């Protein structure tokens, strides 16, 4: 989750995306809550000094993940507050051709009730779904058997052109039959 937050935060800064920044903030709250739960469960599980020693590695990992989440939140805050990063930062980030986007799947979308394997989104749009938010839960690293439902929020990584196509597909503006035409228009 913290890795996803870092990707989203950099994308938010690079593309000045408040949507991506807001997702980072939601994830940061979840990481904080999970870290708190790990600490509580570790305290309950430690019945001896030896148990406590064994659990310190787990606590250190949880603390490192929370530190990464906090750093990602700091980047997201830059976008939300409207602060413009130094032009050198944008130049460095633009070296990467990949971007991360967030899109909500509409009921009328051709993506609805299809598996990622059946859709072949990477091949057809150049976008790879890296996580799905379904209501208040998350699916990290979805596989070919993961079904996309209406109102799912897809976090995807790929090209800018691919992101525009995926947005239109998810919104129901276009179907896969129209994708080559859309890609031709973008060239």
N, C-alpha and C. Protein backbone atom coordinates (compact mmCIF):
# COMPACT_ATOMS: atom_id res chain seq x y z
N UNK A 1 0.83 -1.19 0.00
CA UNK A 1 0.00 0.00 0.00
C UNK A 1 0.87 1.25 0.00
N UNK A 2 1.97 1.23 0.76
CA UNK A 2 2.84 2.40 0.80
C UNK A 2 3.52 2.61 -0.55
N UNK A 3 3.86 1.52 -1.26
CA UNK A 3 4.44 1.66 -2.60
C UNK A 3 3.45 2.32 -3.56
N UNK A 4 2.20 1.90 -3.50
CA UNK A 4 1.15 2.50 -4.32
C UNK A 4 1.01 3.98 -3.99
N UNK A 5 1.09 4.32 -2.71
CA UNK A 5 0.97 5.72 -2.30
C UNK A 5 2.09 6.57 -2.89
N UNK A 6 3.32 6.03 -2.89
CA UNK A 6 4.45 6.78 -3.45
C UNK A 6 4.23 7.02 -4.95
N UNK A 7 3.82 5.95 -5.68
CA UNK A 7 3.54 6.11 -7.11
C UNK A 7 2.46 7.16 -7.34
N UNK A 8 1.39 7.08 -6.58
CA UNK A 8 0.29 8.04 -6.72
C UNK A 8 0.73 9.46 -6.39
N UNK A 9 1.54 9.61 -5.35
CA UNK A 9 1.97 10.94 -4.93
C UNK A 9 2.84 11.59 -6.00
N UNK A 10 3.79 10.84 -6.56
CA UNK A 10 4.62 11.40 -7.62
C UNK A 10 3.79 11.76 -8.84
N UNK A 11 2.84 10.90 -9.18
CA UNK A 11 1.97 11.18 -10.31
C UNK A 11 1.12 12.43 -10.03
N UNK A 12 0.65 12.57 -8.80
CA UNK A 12 -0.15 13.74 -8.43
C UNK A 12 0.63 15.01 -8.61
N UNK A 13 1.90 15.00 -8.18
CA UNK A 13 2.74 16.20 -8.31
C UNK A 13 3.05 16.48 -9.78
N UNK A 14 3.44 15.43 -10.50
CA UNK A 14 3.84 15.60 -11.90
C UNK A 14 2.70 16.13 -12.76
N UNK A 15 1.50 15.58 -12.56
CA UNK A 15 0.37 15.96 -13.41
C UNK A 15 -0.60 16.90 -12.70
N UNK A 16 -0.19 17.40 -11.53
CA UNK A 16 -1.03 18.30 -10.75
C UNK A 16 -2.44 17.72 -10.59
N UNK A 17 -2.49 16.43 -10.21
CA UNK A 17 -3.76 15.71 -10.11
C UNK A 17 -4.25 15.69 -8.67
N UNK A 18 -5.30 16.45 -8.42
CA UNK A 18 -5.90 16.46 -7.09
C UNK A 18 -6.58 15.12 -6.79
N UNK A 19 -7.09 14.44 -7.83
CA UNK A 19 -7.69 13.12 -7.63
C UNK A 19 -6.68 12.15 -7.05
N UNK A 20 -5.50 12.09 -7.66
CA UNK A 20 -4.46 11.18 -7.17
C UNK A 20 -4.02 11.59 -5.77
N UNK A 21 -3.91 12.88 -5.52
CA UNK A 21 -3.51 13.37 -4.20
C UNK A 21 -4.53 12.97 -3.14
N UNK A 22 -5.81 13.07 -3.47
CA UNK A 22 -6.86 12.69 -2.52
C UNK A 22 -6.83 11.19 -2.22
N UNK A 23 -6.52 10.37 -3.22
CA UNK A 23 -6.38 8.93 -2.99
C UNK A 23 -5.23 8.66 -2.03
N UNK A 24 -4.14 9.41 -2.17
CA UNK A 24 -3.00 9.25 -1.26
C UNK A 24 -3.43 9.53 0.17
N UNK A 25 -4.20 10.58 0.37
CA UNK A 25 -4.65 10.93 1.72
C UNK A 25 -5.53 9.84 2.32
N UNK A 26 -6.41 9.27 1.50
CA UNK A 26 -7.26 8.18 1.99
C UNK A 26 -6.42 6.97 2.37
N UNK A 27 -5.44 6.64 1.54
CA UNK A 27 -4.58 5.50 1.83
C UNK A 27 -3.72 5.76 3.06
N UNK A 28 -3.28 6.99 3.25
CA UNK A 28 -2.43 7.31 4.40
C UNK A 28 -3.20 7.10 5.70
N UNK A 29 -4.46 7.46 5.73
CA UNK A 29 -5.28 7.21 6.91
C UNK A 29 -5.39 5.72 7.19
N UNK A 30 -5.53 4.94 6.12
CA UNK A 30 -5.64 3.49 6.27
C UNK A 30 -4.33 2.89 6.79
N UNK A 31 -3.19 3.35 6.26
CA UNK A 31 -1.90 2.86 6.73
C UNK A 31 -1.70 3.18 8.20
N UNK A 32 -2.06 4.39 8.61
CA UNK A 32 -1.95 4.76 10.02
C UNK A 32 -2.79 3.85 10.90
N UNK A 33 -3.99 3.56 10.45
CA UNK A 33 -4.89 2.68 11.21
C UNK A 33 -4.32 1.26 11.29
N UNK A 34 -3.79 0.77 10.18
CA UNK A 34 -3.20 -0.56 10.17
C UNK A 34 -1.97 -0.62 11.08
N UNK A 35 -1.15 0.41 11.07
CA UNK A 35 0.03 0.45 11.93
C UNK A 35 -0.38 0.42 13.40
N UNK A 36 -1.41 1.15 13.74
CA UNK A 36 -1.92 1.16 15.11
C UNK A 36 -2.40 -0.24 15.50
N UNK A 37 -3.13 -0.91 14.60
CA UNK A 37 -3.61 -2.27 14.86
C UNK A 37 -2.45 -3.25 15.06
N UNK A 38 -1.40 -3.11 14.24
CA UNK A 38 -0.24 -3.99 14.39
C UNK A 38 0.40 -3.78 15.76
N UNK A 39 0.52 -2.55 16.20
CA UNK A 39 1.10 -2.28 17.51
C UNK A 39 0.26 -2.89 18.63
N UNK A 40 -1.06 -2.73 18.55
CA UNK A 40 -1.93 -3.30 19.58
C UNK A 40 -1.82 -4.83 19.60
N UNK A 41 -1.88 -5.44 18.43
CA UNK A 41 -1.82 -6.89 18.37
C UNK A 41 -0.47 -7.42 18.84
N UNK A 42 0.59 -6.68 18.56
CA UNK A 42 1.91 -7.09 19.03
C UNK A 42 2.00 -7.04 20.54
N UNK A 43 1.42 -6.00 21.14
CA UNK A 43 1.42 -5.91 22.59
C UNK A 43 0.65 -7.05 23.23
N UNK A 44 -0.46 -7.40 22.63
CA UNK A 44 -1.27 -8.51 23.15
C UNK A 44 -0.54 -9.84 22.96
N UNK A 45 0.16 -9.99 21.84
CA UNK A 45 0.83 -11.25 21.52
C UNK A 45 2.10 -11.48 22.34
N UNK A 46 2.72 -10.42 22.78
CA UNK A 46 3.98 -10.55 23.52
C UNK A 46 3.69 -10.95 24.96
N UNK A 47 4.00 -12.20 25.28
CA UNK A 47 3.75 -12.70 26.63
C UNK A 47 5.05 -12.80 27.42
N UNK A 48 6.16 -12.60 26.73
CA UNK A 48 7.45 -12.69 27.41
C UNK A 48 8.43 -11.74 26.73
N UNK A 49 9.58 -11.59 27.34
CA UNK A 49 10.63 -10.75 26.77
C UNK A 49 11.07 -11.31 25.41
N UNK A 50 11.16 -12.62 25.28
CA UNK A 50 11.57 -13.26 24.02
C UNK A 50 10.53 -12.99 22.93
N UNK A 51 9.25 -13.08 23.29
CA UNK A 51 8.18 -12.76 22.32
C UNK A 51 8.31 -11.32 21.83
N UNK A 52 8.57 -10.42 22.77
CA UNK A 52 8.70 -9.01 22.42
C UNK A 52 9.87 -8.79 21.47
N UNK A 53 10.98 -9.48 21.70
CA UNK A 53 12.13 -9.36 20.80
C UNK A 53 11.79 -9.84 19.39
N UNK A 54 11.05 -10.94 19.30
CA UNK A 54 10.67 -11.48 17.99
C UNK A 54 9.73 -10.53 17.24
N UNK A 55 8.90 -9.83 17.97
CA UNK A 55 7.92 -8.94 17.34
C UNK A 55 8.51 -7.59 16.93
N UNK A 56 9.70 -7.25 17.40
CA UNK A 56 10.27 -5.94 17.06
C UNK A 56 10.51 -5.80 15.56
N UNK A 57 10.87 -6.88 14.88
CA UNK A 57 11.08 -6.79 13.42
C UNK A 57 9.79 -6.41 12.71
N UNK A 58 8.69 -7.01 13.14
CA UNK A 58 7.39 -6.68 12.56
C UNK A 58 7.05 -5.21 12.80
N UNK A 59 7.31 -4.75 14.01
CA UNK A 59 7.02 -3.35 14.33
C UNK A 59 7.90 -2.39 13.52
N UNK A 60 9.14 -2.76 13.29
CA UNK A 60 10.03 -1.92 12.49
C UNK A 60 9.56 -1.84 11.04
N UNK A 61 9.10 -2.96 10.49
CA UNK A 61 8.57 -2.96 9.12
C UNK A 61 7.33 -2.07 9.04
N UNK A 62 6.44 -2.21 10.02
CA UNK A 62 5.23 -1.38 10.04
C UNK A 62 5.59 0.09 10.15
N UNK A 63 6.58 0.40 10.95
CA UNK A 63 7.01 1.80 11.11
C UNK A 63 7.61 2.35 9.81
N UNK A 64 8.38 1.52 9.11
CA UNK A 64 8.97 1.94 7.84
C UNK A 64 7.88 2.20 6.80
N UNK A 65 6.87 1.32 6.76
CA UNK A 65 5.76 1.52 5.82
C UNK A 65 5.01 2.81 6.14
N UNK A 66 4.84 3.09 7.43
CA UNK A 66 4.15 4.32 7.81
C UNK A 66 4.98 5.54 7.45
N UNK A 67 6.31 5.45 7.58
CA UNK A 67 7.18 6.57 7.19
C UNK A 67 7.06 6.85 5.70
N UNK A 68 7.01 5.78 4.89
CA UNK A 68 6.83 5.96 3.44
C UNK A 68 5.47 6.59 3.15
N UNK A 69 4.45 6.13 3.86
CA UNK A 69 3.11 6.69 3.67
C UNK A 69 3.07 8.16 4.04
N UNK A 70 3.75 8.53 5.12
CA UNK A 70 3.78 9.94 5.53
C UNK A 70 4.51 10.80 4.51
N UNK A 71 5.59 10.27 3.93
CA UNK A 71 6.31 11.02 2.89
C UNK A 71 5.44 11.21 1.66
N UNK A 72 4.70 10.16 1.29
CA UNK A 72 3.78 10.27 0.15
C UNK A 72 2.69 11.30 0.44
N UNK A 73 2.20 11.32 1.67
CA UNK A 73 1.19 12.30 2.05
C UNK A 73 1.74 13.72 1.92
N UNK A 74 3.00 13.91 2.32
CA UNK A 74 3.62 15.23 2.19
C UNK A 74 3.65 15.68 0.74
N UNK A 75 3.96 14.76 -0.18
CA UNK A 75 3.94 15.10 -1.61
C UNK A 75 2.52 15.44 -2.07
N UNK A 76 1.55 14.65 -1.62
CA UNK A 76 0.16 14.91 -2.01
C UNK A 76 -0.31 16.26 -1.49
N UNK A 77 0.13 16.61 -0.30
CA UNK A 77 -0.25 17.91 0.28
C UNK A 77 0.23 19.07 -0.60
N UNK A 78 1.35 18.88 -1.28
CA UNK A 78 1.86 19.92 -2.20
C UNK A 78 0.81 20.23 -3.26
N UNK A 79 0.20 19.18 -3.81
CA UNK A 79 -0.81 19.37 -4.86
C UNK A 79 -2.07 19.97 -4.28
N UNK A 80 -2.51 19.46 -3.15
CA UNK A 80 -3.77 19.92 -2.56
C UNK A 80 -3.70 21.38 -2.14
N UNK A 81 -2.55 21.82 -1.64
CA UNK A 81 -2.41 23.21 -1.22
C UNK A 81 -2.16 24.15 -2.39
N UNK A 82 -1.91 23.59 -3.58
CA UNK A 82 -1.71 24.42 -4.75
C UNK A 82 -0.29 24.90 -4.94
N UNK A 83 0.65 24.41 -4.13
CA UNK A 83 2.05 24.79 -4.26
C UNK A 83 2.62 24.20 -5.55
N UNK A 84 3.31 25.00 -6.32
CA UNK A 84 3.90 24.53 -7.58
C UNK A 84 5.33 24.07 -7.34
N UNK A 85 5.65 22.82 -7.73
CA UNK A 85 7.02 22.33 -7.53
C UNK A 85 8.01 23.03 -8.45
N UNK A 86 9.26 22.97 -8.09
CA UNK A 86 10.34 23.57 -8.89
C UNK A 86 10.34 22.94 -10.28
N UNK A 87 10.59 23.72 -11.34
CA UNK A 87 10.58 23.18 -12.71
C UNK A 87 11.56 22.01 -12.91
N UNK A 88 12.65 21.98 -12.16
CA UNK A 88 13.60 20.88 -12.29
C UNK A 88 12.95 19.56 -11.88
N UNK A 89 12.11 19.60 -10.85
CA UNK A 89 11.41 18.39 -10.41
C UNK A 89 10.55 17.85 -11.53
N UNK A 90 9.80 18.72 -12.18
CA UNK A 90 8.94 18.28 -13.28
C UNK A 90 9.78 17.72 -14.43
N UNK A 91 10.92 18.34 -14.72
CA UNK A 91 11.78 17.84 -15.80
C UNK A 91 12.25 16.43 -15.50
N UNK A 92 12.67 16.20 -14.27
CA UNK A 92 13.14 14.86 -13.88
C UNK A 92 12.00 13.86 -13.97
N UNK A 93 10.85 14.21 -13.45
CA UNK A 93 9.71 13.30 -13.45
C UNK A 93 9.20 13.02 -14.85
N UNK A 94 9.31 13.99 -15.74
CA UNK A 94 8.82 13.79 -17.10
C UNK A 94 9.68 12.82 -17.90
N UNK A 95 10.87 12.52 -17.39
CA UNK A 95 11.70 11.51 -18.04
C UNK A 95 10.96 10.17 -18.07
N UNK A 96 10.12 9.95 -17.09
CA UNK A 96 9.31 8.74 -17.04
C UNK A 96 8.09 8.94 -17.93
N UNK A 97 7.85 7.96 -18.80
CA UNK A 97 6.70 8.06 -19.70
C UNK A 97 5.44 7.50 -19.05
N UNK A 98 5.58 6.93 -17.86
CA UNK A 98 4.45 6.32 -17.19
C UNK A 98 3.76 7.31 -16.28
N UNK A 99 2.46 7.14 -16.15
CA UNK A 99 1.68 7.96 -15.24
C UNK A 99 0.68 7.07 -14.53
N UNK A 100 0.14 7.55 -13.44
CA UNK A 100 -0.88 6.82 -12.70
C UNK A 100 -2.16 7.64 -12.74
N UNK A 101 -3.27 6.96 -12.95
CA UNK A 101 -4.55 7.64 -13.02
C UNK A 101 -5.59 6.91 -12.18
N UNK A 102 -6.63 7.63 -11.83
CA UNK A 102 -7.75 7.07 -11.09
C UNK A 102 -9.00 7.32 -11.92
N UNK A 103 -9.82 6.27 -12.07
CA UNK A 103 -11.04 6.41 -12.83
C UNK A 103 -12.12 5.53 -12.22
N UNK A 104 -13.35 6.04 -12.20
CA UNK A 104 -14.49 5.27 -11.68
C UNK A 104 -15.23 4.63 -12.85
N UNK A 105 -15.53 3.35 -12.73
CA UNK A 105 -16.21 2.60 -13.79
C UNK A 105 -17.71 2.83 -13.67
N UNK A 106 -18.33 3.31 -14.76
CA UNK A 106 -19.77 3.55 -14.75
C UNK A 106 -20.53 2.26 -15.07
N UNK A 107 -21.81 2.27 -14.75
CA UNK A 107 -22.66 1.10 -15.02
C UNK A 107 -22.75 0.83 -16.50
N UNK A 108 -22.67 1.87 -17.32
CA UNK A 108 -22.81 1.71 -18.78
C UNK A 108 -21.50 1.33 -19.47
N UNK A 109 -20.42 1.21 -18.71
CA UNK A 109 -19.12 0.91 -19.30
C UNK A 109 -19.03 -0.54 -19.74
N UNK A 110 -18.33 -0.74 -20.83
CA UNK A 110 -18.06 -2.08 -21.34
C UNK A 110 -17.14 -2.87 -20.40
N UNK A 111 -16.49 -2.18 -19.48
CA UNK A 111 -15.60 -2.83 -18.50
C UNK A 111 -16.38 -3.55 -17.40
N UNK A 112 -17.61 -3.10 -17.15
CA UNK A 112 -18.41 -3.61 -16.04
C UNK A 112 -18.69 -5.10 -16.19
N UNK A 113 -18.50 -5.82 -15.09
CA UNK A 113 -18.74 -7.26 -14.99
C UNK A 113 -17.85 -8.10 -15.90
N UNK A 114 -16.68 -7.59 -16.21
CA UNK A 114 -15.69 -8.33 -17.02
C UNK A 114 -14.45 -8.57 -16.17
N UNK A 115 -13.72 -9.65 -16.46
CA UNK A 115 -12.45 -9.89 -15.76
C UNK A 115 -11.35 -9.11 -16.46
N UNK A 116 -10.30 -8.81 -15.72
CA UNK A 116 -9.15 -8.13 -16.32
C UNK A 116 -8.55 -8.99 -17.42
N UNK A 117 -8.56 -10.31 -17.24
CA UNK A 117 -8.03 -11.21 -18.27
C UNK A 117 -8.82 -11.14 -19.56
N UNK A 118 -10.14 -11.06 -19.46
CA UNK A 118 -10.98 -10.96 -20.65
C UNK A 118 -10.81 -9.61 -21.34
N UNK A 119 -10.60 -8.56 -20.57
CA UNK A 119 -10.51 -7.21 -21.12
C UNK A 119 -9.19 -6.92 -21.82
N UNK A 120 -8.10 -7.54 -21.37
CA UNK A 120 -6.77 -7.30 -21.95
C UNK A 120 -6.47 -5.80 -22.03
N UNK A 121 -6.69 -5.10 -20.93
CA UNK A 121 -6.52 -3.64 -20.91
C UNK A 121 -5.10 -3.21 -21.27
N UNK A 122 -4.10 -3.94 -20.80
CA UNK A 122 -2.72 -3.55 -21.10
C UNK A 122 -2.50 -3.57 -22.60
N UNK A 123 -2.96 -4.61 -23.26
CA UNK A 123 -2.78 -4.72 -24.72
C UNK A 123 -3.62 -3.70 -25.48
N UNK A 124 -4.83 -3.45 -25.01
CA UNK A 124 -5.75 -2.60 -25.76
C UNK A 124 -5.61 -1.11 -25.47
N UNK A 125 -5.12 -0.78 -24.26
CA UNK A 125 -5.04 0.64 -23.90
C UNK A 125 -3.65 1.07 -23.46
N UNK A 126 -2.79 0.12 -23.12
CA UNK A 126 -1.49 0.47 -22.58
C UNK A 126 -1.53 0.79 -21.10
N UNK A 127 -2.66 0.55 -20.45
CA UNK A 127 -2.83 0.84 -19.03
C UNK A 127 -2.94 -0.48 -18.25
N UNK A 128 -2.18 -0.57 -17.13
CA UNK A 128 -2.23 -1.74 -16.26
C UNK A 128 -2.90 -1.34 -14.96
N UNK A 129 -3.94 -2.08 -14.57
CA UNK A 129 -4.64 -1.81 -13.32
C UNK A 129 -3.77 -2.32 -12.18
N UNK A 130 -3.37 -1.41 -11.27
CA UNK A 130 -2.49 -1.81 -10.17
C UNK A 130 -3.25 -1.96 -8.85
N UNK A 131 -4.44 -1.38 -8.78
CA UNK A 131 -5.27 -1.53 -7.58
C UNK A 131 -6.70 -1.13 -7.92
N UNK A 132 -7.62 -1.69 -7.15
CA UNK A 132 -9.04 -1.37 -7.33
C UNK A 132 -9.62 -1.05 -5.96
N UNK A 133 -10.29 0.10 -5.88
CA UNK A 133 -11.02 0.42 -4.65
C UNK A 133 -12.48 0.09 -4.90
N UNK A 134 -13.00 -0.77 -4.04
CA UNK A 134 -14.41 -1.18 -4.13
C UNK A 134 -15.05 -0.80 -2.81
N UNK A 135 -15.87 0.24 -2.84
CA UNK A 135 -16.44 0.80 -1.62
C UNK A 135 -15.29 1.20 -0.69
N UNK A 136 -15.20 0.60 0.49
CA UNK A 136 -14.14 0.97 1.42
C UNK A 136 -12.99 -0.03 1.44
N UNK A 137 -13.04 -1.03 0.57
CA UNK A 137 -11.97 -2.03 0.56
C UNK A 137 -11.12 -1.88 -0.70
N UNK A 138 -9.94 -2.49 -0.66
CA UNK A 138 -9.00 -2.39 -1.76
C UNK A 138 -8.61 -3.77 -2.26
N UNK A 139 -8.37 -3.87 -3.55
CA UNK A 139 -7.79 -5.07 -4.16
C UNK A 139 -6.45 -4.62 -4.73
N UNK A 140 -5.35 -5.11 -4.12
CA UNK A 140 -4.01 -4.73 -4.56
C UNK A 140 -3.49 -5.81 -5.50
N UNK A 141 -2.83 -5.39 -6.58
CA UNK A 141 -2.27 -6.35 -7.53
C UNK A 141 -3.32 -7.27 -8.11
N UNK A 142 -4.42 -6.71 -8.63
CA UNK A 142 -5.47 -7.56 -9.19
C UNK A 142 -4.91 -8.44 -10.31
N UNK A 143 -5.47 -9.65 -10.44
CA UNK A 143 -4.98 -10.56 -11.48
C UNK A 143 -6.02 -10.73 -12.59
N UNK A 144 -5.74 -11.63 -13.50
CA UNK A 144 -6.60 -11.82 -14.69
C UNK A 144 -8.01 -12.28 -14.33
N UNK A 145 -8.19 -12.85 -13.13
CA UNK A 145 -9.50 -13.33 -12.71
C UNK A 145 -10.31 -12.29 -11.94
N UNK A 146 -9.72 -11.12 -11.69
CA UNK A 146 -10.42 -10.07 -10.95
C UNK A 146 -11.50 -9.46 -11.83
N UNK A 147 -12.72 -9.43 -11.31
CA UNK A 147 -13.86 -8.88 -12.04
C UNK A 147 -14.02 -7.40 -11.68
N UNK A 148 -14.22 -6.57 -12.70
CA UNK A 148 -14.46 -5.15 -12.50
C UNK A 148 -15.97 -4.94 -12.38
N UNK A 149 -16.37 -4.24 -11.35
CA UNK A 149 -17.78 -3.96 -11.12
C UNK A 149 -18.07 -2.48 -11.32
N UNK A 150 -19.35 -2.17 -11.53
CA UNK A 150 -19.76 -0.76 -11.63
C UNK A 150 -19.38 -0.06 -10.33
N UNK A 151 -18.93 1.15 -10.42
CA UNK A 151 -18.51 2.02 -9.32
C UNK A 151 -17.16 1.64 -8.73
N UNK A 152 -16.46 0.64 -9.28
CA UNK A 152 -15.09 0.38 -8.86
C UNK A 152 -14.22 1.57 -9.26
N UNK A 153 -13.26 1.89 -8.43
CA UNK A 153 -12.28 2.92 -8.76
C UNK A 153 -10.99 2.20 -9.14
N UNK A 154 -10.58 2.37 -10.40
CA UNK A 154 -9.38 1.71 -10.90
C UNK A 154 -8.20 2.66 -10.77
N UNK A 155 -7.12 2.18 -10.18
CA UNK A 155 -5.86 2.91 -10.19
C UNK A 155 -4.99 2.19 -11.20
N UNK A 156 -4.60 2.91 -12.24
CA UNK A 156 -3.91 2.30 -13.36
C UNK A 156 -2.64 3.05 -13.69
N UNK A 157 -1.69 2.33 -14.28
CA UNK A 157 -0.39 2.89 -14.63
C UNK A 157 -0.18 2.68 -16.12
N UNK A 158 0.29 3.70 -16.81
CA UNK A 158 0.56 3.59 -18.25
C UNK A 158 0.86 4.94 -18.87
N UNK A 159 0.53 5.05 -20.14
CA UNK A 159 0.83 6.28 -20.89
C UNK A 159 -0.30 7.29 -20.78
N UNK A 160 0.01 8.52 -21.13
CA UNK A 160 -1.02 9.56 -21.08
C UNK A 160 -2.14 9.28 -22.09
N UNK A 161 -1.77 8.84 -23.29
CA UNK A 161 -2.78 8.51 -24.30
C UNK A 161 -3.64 7.36 -23.82
N UNK A 162 -3.00 6.34 -23.25
CA UNK A 162 -3.74 5.20 -22.73
C UNK A 162 -4.69 5.60 -21.62
N UNK A 163 -4.28 6.55 -20.79
CA UNK A 163 -5.14 6.98 -19.69
C UNK A 163 -6.39 7.66 -20.22
N UNK A 164 -6.26 8.42 -21.29
CA UNK A 164 -7.42 9.08 -21.89
C UNK A 164 -8.40 8.05 -22.44
N UNK A 165 -7.86 7.00 -23.07
CA UNK A 165 -8.70 5.94 -23.62
C UNK A 165 -9.41 5.19 -22.49
N UNK A 166 -8.66 4.83 -21.45
CA UNK A 166 -9.26 4.10 -20.33
C UNK A 166 -10.33 4.95 -19.65
N UNK A 167 -10.09 6.24 -19.52
CA UNK A 167 -11.10 7.11 -18.92
C UNK A 167 -12.40 7.05 -19.73
N UNK A 168 -12.30 7.14 -21.04
CA UNK A 168 -13.49 7.12 -21.89
C UNK A 168 -14.18 5.75 -21.86
N UNK A 169 -13.39 4.68 -21.80
CA UNK A 169 -13.98 3.33 -21.69
C UNK A 169 -14.72 3.18 -20.36
N UNK A 170 -14.09 3.61 -19.28
CA UNK A 170 -14.68 3.46 -17.95
C UNK A 170 -15.93 4.31 -17.81
N UNK A 171 -15.95 5.45 -18.46
CA UNK A 171 -17.09 6.36 -18.40
C UNK A 171 -18.24 5.90 -19.31
N UNK A 172 -17.95 4.97 -20.21
CA UNK A 172 -18.97 4.51 -21.15
C UNK A 172 -19.09 5.39 -22.38
N UNK A 173 -18.15 6.33 -22.55
CA UNK A 173 -18.17 7.21 -23.72
C UNK A 173 -17.87 6.45 -25.01
N UNK A 174 -16.99 5.45 -24.91
CA UNK A 174 -16.61 4.67 -26.08
C UNK A 174 -16.63 3.18 -25.72
N UNK A 175 -16.59 2.33 -26.75
CA UNK A 175 -16.47 0.89 -26.58
C UNK A 175 -15.12 0.47 -27.13
N UNK A 176 -14.76 -0.79 -26.91
CA UNK A 176 -13.48 -1.27 -27.43
C UNK A 176 -13.42 -1.21 -28.95
N UNK A 177 -14.56 -1.30 -29.62
CA UNK A 177 -14.59 -1.19 -31.08
C UNK A 177 -14.11 0.18 -31.54
N UNK A 178 -14.26 1.18 -30.70
CA UNK A 178 -13.86 2.54 -31.05
C UNK A 178 -12.45 2.90 -30.59
N UNK A 179 -11.80 2.02 -29.86
CA UNK A 179 -10.48 2.34 -29.30
C UNK A 179 -9.45 2.64 -30.39
N UNK A 180 -9.31 1.85 -31.47
CA UNK A 180 -8.31 2.20 -32.49
C UNK A 180 -8.52 3.60 -33.05
N UNK A 181 -9.79 3.98 -33.23
CA UNK A 181 -10.06 5.33 -33.75
C UNK A 181 -9.61 6.39 -32.76
N UNK A 182 -9.85 6.15 -31.48
CA UNK A 182 -9.43 7.11 -30.48
C UNK A 182 -7.92 7.21 -30.44
N UNK A 183 -7.22 6.06 -30.51
CA UNK A 183 -5.76 6.09 -30.50
C UNK A 183 -5.22 6.78 -31.73
N UNK A 184 -5.86 6.60 -32.90
CA UNK A 184 -5.44 7.29 -34.12
C UNK A 184 -5.62 8.80 -33.98
N UNK A 185 -6.72 9.21 -33.35
CA UNK A 185 -6.96 10.64 -33.16
C UNK A 185 -5.91 11.28 -32.27
N UNK A 186 -5.39 10.50 -31.30
CA UNK A 186 -4.41 11.04 -30.36
C UNK A 186 -3.05 11.20 -30.97
N UNK A 187 -2.72 10.43 -32.03
CA UNK A 187 -1.39 10.48 -32.64
C UNK A 187 -1.14 11.75 -33.41
